[in-house]
Amino acid sequence: MNLLLRTLGLITVCTSLTSSAQIAHDLTVYSEDGLPFTLVVNGQTINAEPATSVTASNIHFDYATVIARFADTTLPTIERKNLQIAQPGTGPKGPVAAVYAIKDKKGEMIMRFVSRSDKKIQNPSVIILN
């Protein structure tokens, strides 16, 4: 019985470590003018159909190359190399949710930082066997 409880405890710890290791940053980009676009993060297309707001979940990098391609092909593509997603600084960092906006600035489309906050993570349920 003791061995069974130890084994179950070990499995629970391993499972919780594995699930927490998969939690990463989220990035949301939206168009202030309502222009639909396709978002590409580190070479991976996030949305197949153009949309005005797109969220890329679980990005495992603190910085990313982000490209916004507009449905209106007359608008130039926006490319941001090394877009910072993670919290700035050198202290311990947890996963964050970062938001950037696409806006028109003096006739040029740009991607500008809006906000960053700690990512809300639901704690897994704990099952106790007696």
C-alpha atoms as a PDB file:
ATOM      1  CA  MET A   1       0.000   0.000   0.000  1.00  0.00           C
ATOM      2  CA  ASN A   2       2.860   2.347   0.881  1.00  0.00           C
ATOM      3  CA  LEU A   3       4.514   1.687  -2.478  1.00  0.00           C
ATOM      4  CA  LEU A   4       1.233   2.418  -4.262  1.00  0.00           C
ATOM      5  CA  LEU A   5       0.881   5.790  -2.506  1.00  0.00           C
ATOM      6  CA  ARG A   6       4.484   6.720  -3.326  1.00  0.00           C
ATOM      7  CA  THR A   7       3.980   5.762  -6.956  1.00  0.00           C
ATOM      8  CA  LEU A   8       0.774   7.802  -7.187  1.00  0.00           C
ATOM      9  CA  GLY A   9       2.535  10.743  -5.541  1.00  0.00           C
ATOM     10  CA  LEU A  10       5.427  10.513  -8.005  1.00  0.00           C
ATOM     11  CA  ILE A  11       3.025  10.358 -10.951  1.00  0.00           C
ATOM     12  CA  THR A  12       1.150  13.411  -9.641  1.00  0.00           C
ATOM     13  CA  VAL A  13       4.368  15.426  -9.247  1.00  0.00           C
ATOM     14  CA  CYS A  14       5.622  14.443 -12.704  1.00  0.00           C
ATOM     15  CA  THR A  15       2.285  15.293 -14.294  1.00  0.00           C
ATOM     16  CA  SER A  16       2.122  18.712 -12.632  1.00  0.00           C
ATOM     17  CA  LEU A  17       5.704  19.518 -13.658  1.00  0.00           C
ATOM     18  CA  THR A  18       4.999  18.504 -17.246  1.00  0.00           C
ATOM     19  CA  SER A  19       1.819  20.562 -17.459  1.00  0.00           C
ATOM     20  CA  SER A  20       3.437  23.667 -15.958  1.00  0.00           C
ATOM     21  CA  ALA A  21       6.400  23.396 -18.331  1.00  0.00           C
ATOM     22  CA  GLN A  22       4.002  23.772 -21.263  1.00  0.00           C
ATOM     23  CA  ILE A  23       2.576  27.089 -20.088  1.00  0.00           C
ATOM     24  CA  ALA A  24       4.061  29.998 -22.011  1.00  0.00           C
ATOM     25  CA  HIS A  25       3.326  33.532 -23.188  1.00  0.00           C
ATOM     26  CA  ASP A  26       0.248  34.696 -25.108  1.00  0.00           C
ATOM     27  CA  LEU A  27       0.386  37.452 -27.709  1.00  0.00           C
ATOM     28  CA  THR A  28      -2.672  39.354 -28.930  1.00  0.00           C
ATOM     29  CA  VAL A  29      -2.474  41.745 -31.876  1.00  0.00           C
ATOM     30  CA  TYR A  30      -5.448  43.814 -32.982  1.00  0.00           C
ATOM     31  CA  SER A  31      -6.130  46.439 -35.630  1.00  0.00           C
ATOM     32  CA  GLU A  32      -7.350  49.794 -34.284  1.00  0.00           C
ATOM     33  CA  ASP A  33      -8.864  50.606 -37.676  1.00  0.00           C
ATOM     34  CA  GLY A  34     -10.591  47.223 -38.047  1.00  0.00           C
ATOM     35  CA  LEU A  35      -8.387  46.114 -40.946  1.00  0.00           C
ATOM     36  CA  PRO A  36      -8.287  42.295 -41.196  1.00  0.00           C
ATOM     37  CA  PHE A  37      -4.822  40.693 -41.234  1.00  0.00           C
ATOM     38  CA  THR A  38      -3.044  37.362 -40.955  1.00  0.00           C
ATOM     39  CA  LEU A  39      -0.526  37.006 -38.117  1.00  0.00           C
ATOM     40  CA  VAL A  40       2.721  35.053 -38.478  1.00  0.00           C
ATOM     41  CA  VAL A  41       4.851  34.403 -35.356  1.00  0.00           C
ATOM     42  CA  ASN A  42       8.332  32.936 -35.845  1.00  0.00           C
ATOM     43  CA  GLY A  43       7.313  31.608 -39.268  1.00  0.00           C
ATOM     44  CA  GLN A  44       4.080  29.955 -38.067  1.00  0.00           C
ATOM     45  CA  THR A  45       0.793  31.319 -39.444  1.00  0.00           C
ATOM     46  CA  ILE A  46      -1.581  31.802 -36.504  1.00  0.00           C
ATOM     47  CA  ASN A  47      -4.867  32.462 -38.329  1.00  0.00           C
ATOM     48  CA  ALA A  48      -5.757  31.025 -41.741  1.00  0.00           C
ATOM     49  CA  GLU A  49      -8.493  33.599 -42.398  1.00  0.00           C
ATOM     50  CA  PRO A  50      -7.726  37.315 -41.931  1.00  0.00           C
ATOM     51  CA  ALA A  51      -9.181  38.792 -38.725  1.00  0.00           C
ATOM     52  CA  THR A  52      -9.115  42.134 -36.895  1.00  0.00           C
ATOM     53  CA  SER A  53      -7.835  40.594 -33.624  1.00  0.00           C
ATOM     54  CA  VAL A  54      -5.605  37.525 -33.359  1.00  0.00           C
ATOM     55  CA  THR A  55      -4.182  35.708 -30.311  1.00  0.00           C
ATOM     56  CA  ALA A  56      -1.165  33.416 -30.474  1.00  0.00           C
ATOM     57  CA  SER A  57      -1.153  31.154 -27.420  1.00  0.00           C
ATOM     58  CA  ASN A  58       1.732  29.468 -25.618  1.00  0.00           C
ATOM     59  CA  ILE A  59       4.714  31.121 -27.277  1.00  0.00           C
ATOM     60  CA  HIS A  60       7.847  29.636 -25.722  1.00  0.00           C
ATOM     61  CA  PHE A  61      10.103  32.596 -26.589  1.00  0.00           C
ATOM     62  CA  ASP A  62      10.583  35.938 -24.822  1.00  0.00           C
ATOM     63  CA  TYR A  63      11.107  37.655 -28.195  1.00  0.00           C
ATOM     64  CA  ALA A  64       9.568  36.765 -31.554  1.00  0.00           C
ATOM     65  CA  THR A  65       9.589  37.784 -35.188  1.00  0.00           C
ATOM     66  CA  VAL A  66       6.028  38.903 -35.906  1.00  0.00           C
ATOM     67  CA  ILE A  67       4.539  39.634 -39.323  1.00  0.00           C
ATOM     68  CA  ALA A  68       1.087  41.091 -40.060  1.00  0.00           C
ATOM     69  CA  ARG A  69      -0.134  40.619 -43.645  1.00  0.00           C
ATOM     70  CA  PHE A  70      -3.235  42.606 -44.470  1.00  0.00           C
ATOM     71  CA  ALA A  71      -6.168  41.206 -46.446  1.00  0.00           C
ATOM     72  CA  ASP A  72      -6.012  44.481 -48.415  1.00  0.00           C
ATOM     73  CA  THR A  73      -2.899  43.759 -50.477  1.00  0.00           C
ATOM     74  CA  THR A  74      -2.381  47.466 -51.195  1.00  0.00           C
ATOM     75  CA  LEU A  75      -1.265  47.887 -47.576  1.00  0.00           C
ATOM     76  CA  PRO A  76       2.358  46.993 -46.861  1.00  0.00           C
ATOM     77  CA  THR A  77       3.188  44.060 -44.592  1.00  0.00           C
ATOM     78  CA  ILE A  78       4.347  44.945 -41.066  1.00  0.00           C
ATOM     79  CA  GLU A  79       7.365  43.006 -39.802  1.00  0.00           C
ATOM     80  CA  ARG A  80       8.727  43.329 -36.275  1.00  0.00           C
ATOM     81  CA  LYS A  81      11.917  41.436 -35.533  1.00  0.00           C
ATOM     82  CA  ASN A  82      12.601  40.753 -31.848  1.00  0.00           C
ATOM     83  CA  LEU A  83       9.161  41.859 -30.664  1.00  0.00           C
ATOM     84  CA  GLN A  84       9.307  41.654 -26.866  1.00  0.00           C
ATOM     85  CA  ILE A  85       6.614  39.461 -25.388  1.00  0.00           C
ATOM     86  CA  ALA A  86       8.047  38.657 -21.936  1.00  0.00           C
ATOM     87  CA  GLN A  87       8.267  41.059 -19.015  1.00  0.00           C
ATOM     88  CA  PRO A  88      11.334  43.321 -19.335  1.00  0.00           C
ATOM     89  CA  GLY A  89      14.112  43.089 -16.760  1.00  0.00           C
ATOM     90  CA  THR A  90      16.392  40.409 -15.414  1.00  0.00           C
ATOM     91  CA  GLY A  91      14.316  39.113 -12.491  1.00  0.00           C
ATOM     92  CA  PRO A  92      12.331  35.889 -12.474  1.00  0.00           C
ATOM     93  CA  LYS A  93       9.765  35.824 -15.251  1.00  0.00           C
ATOM     94  CA  GLY A  94       6.507  33.975 -15.487  1.00  0.00           C
ATOM     95  CA  PRO A  95       4.249  33.633 -18.500  1.00  0.00           C
ATOM     96  CA  VAL A  96       2.596  36.865 -19.639  1.00  0.00           C
ATOM     97  CA  ALA A  97      -0.183  38.002 -21.931  1.00  0.00           C
ATOM     98  CA  ALA A  98       1.096  40.795 -24.186  1.00  0.00           C
ATOM     99  CA  VAL A  99      -1.068  43.026 -26.379  1.00  0.00           C
ATOM    100  CA  TYR A 100       0.047  45.022 -29.428  1.00  0.00           C
ATOM    101  CA  ALA A 101      -2.059  47.256 -31.684  1.00  0.00           C
ATOM    102  CA  ILE A 102      -1.758  47.913 -35.397  1.00  0.00           C
ATOM    103  CA  LYS A 103      -2.420  51.552 -36.118  1.00  0.00           C
ATOM    104  CA  ASP A 104      -1.942  54.183 -38.760  1.00  0.00           C
ATOM    105  CA  LYS A 105       0.739  56.698 -37.776  1.00  0.00           C
ATOM    106  CA  LYS A 106       1.202  59.531 -40.239  1.00  0.00           C
ATOM    107  CA  GLY A 107       0.157  57.361 -43.178  1.00  0.00           C
ATOM    108  CA  GLU A 108       2.283  54.356 -42.166  1.00  0.00           C
ATOM    109  CA  MET A 109       0.940  51.166 -40.551  1.00  0.00           C
ATOM    110  CA  ILE A 110       2.861  50.300 -37.371  1.00  0.00           C
ATOM    111  CA  MET A 111       2.627  47.723 -34.575  1.00  0.00           C
ATOM    112  CA  ARG A 112       2.773  49.388 -31.155  1.00  0.00           C
ATOM    113  CA  PHE A 113       2.929  47.973 -27.621  1.00  0.00           C
ATOM    114  CA  VAL A 114      -0.316  48.346 -25.625  1.00  0.00           C
ATOM    115  CA  SER A 115      -0.022  46.281 -22.434  1.00  0.00           C
ATOM    116  CA  ARG A 116       1.488  43.280 -20.697  1.00  0.00           C
ATOM    117  CA  SER A 117       0.182  41.391 -17.673  1.00  0.00           C
ATOM    118  CA  ASP A 118       0.802  38.129 -15.875  1.00  0.00           C
ATOM    119  CA  LYS A 119      -0.946  35.278 -17.632  1.00  0.00           C
ATOM    120  CA  LYS A 120      -3.842  33.901 -15.624  1.00  0.00           C
ATOM    121  CA  ILE A 121      -3.294  30.198 -15.023  1.00  0.00           C
ATOM    122  CA  GLN A 122      -5.850  27.878 -13.499  1.00  0.00           C
ATOM    123  CA  ASN A 123      -4.415  25.548 -10.904  1.00  0.00           C
ATOM    124  CA  PRO A 124      -4.945  21.875 -11.683  1.00  0.00           C
ATOM    125  CA  SER A 125      -7.358  19.955  -9.501  1.00  0.00           C
ATOM    126  CA  VAL A 126      -5.822  17.906  -6.713  1.00  0.00           C
ATOM    127  CA  ILE A 127      -7.182  14.431  -6.121  1.00  0.00           C
ATOM    128  CA  ILE A 128      -6.526  12.835  -2.748  1.00  0.00           C
ATOM    129  CA  LEU A 129      -6.899   9.079  -2.460  1.00  0.00           C
ATOM    130  CA  ASN A 130      -7.412   7.560   0.967  1.00  0.00           C
END
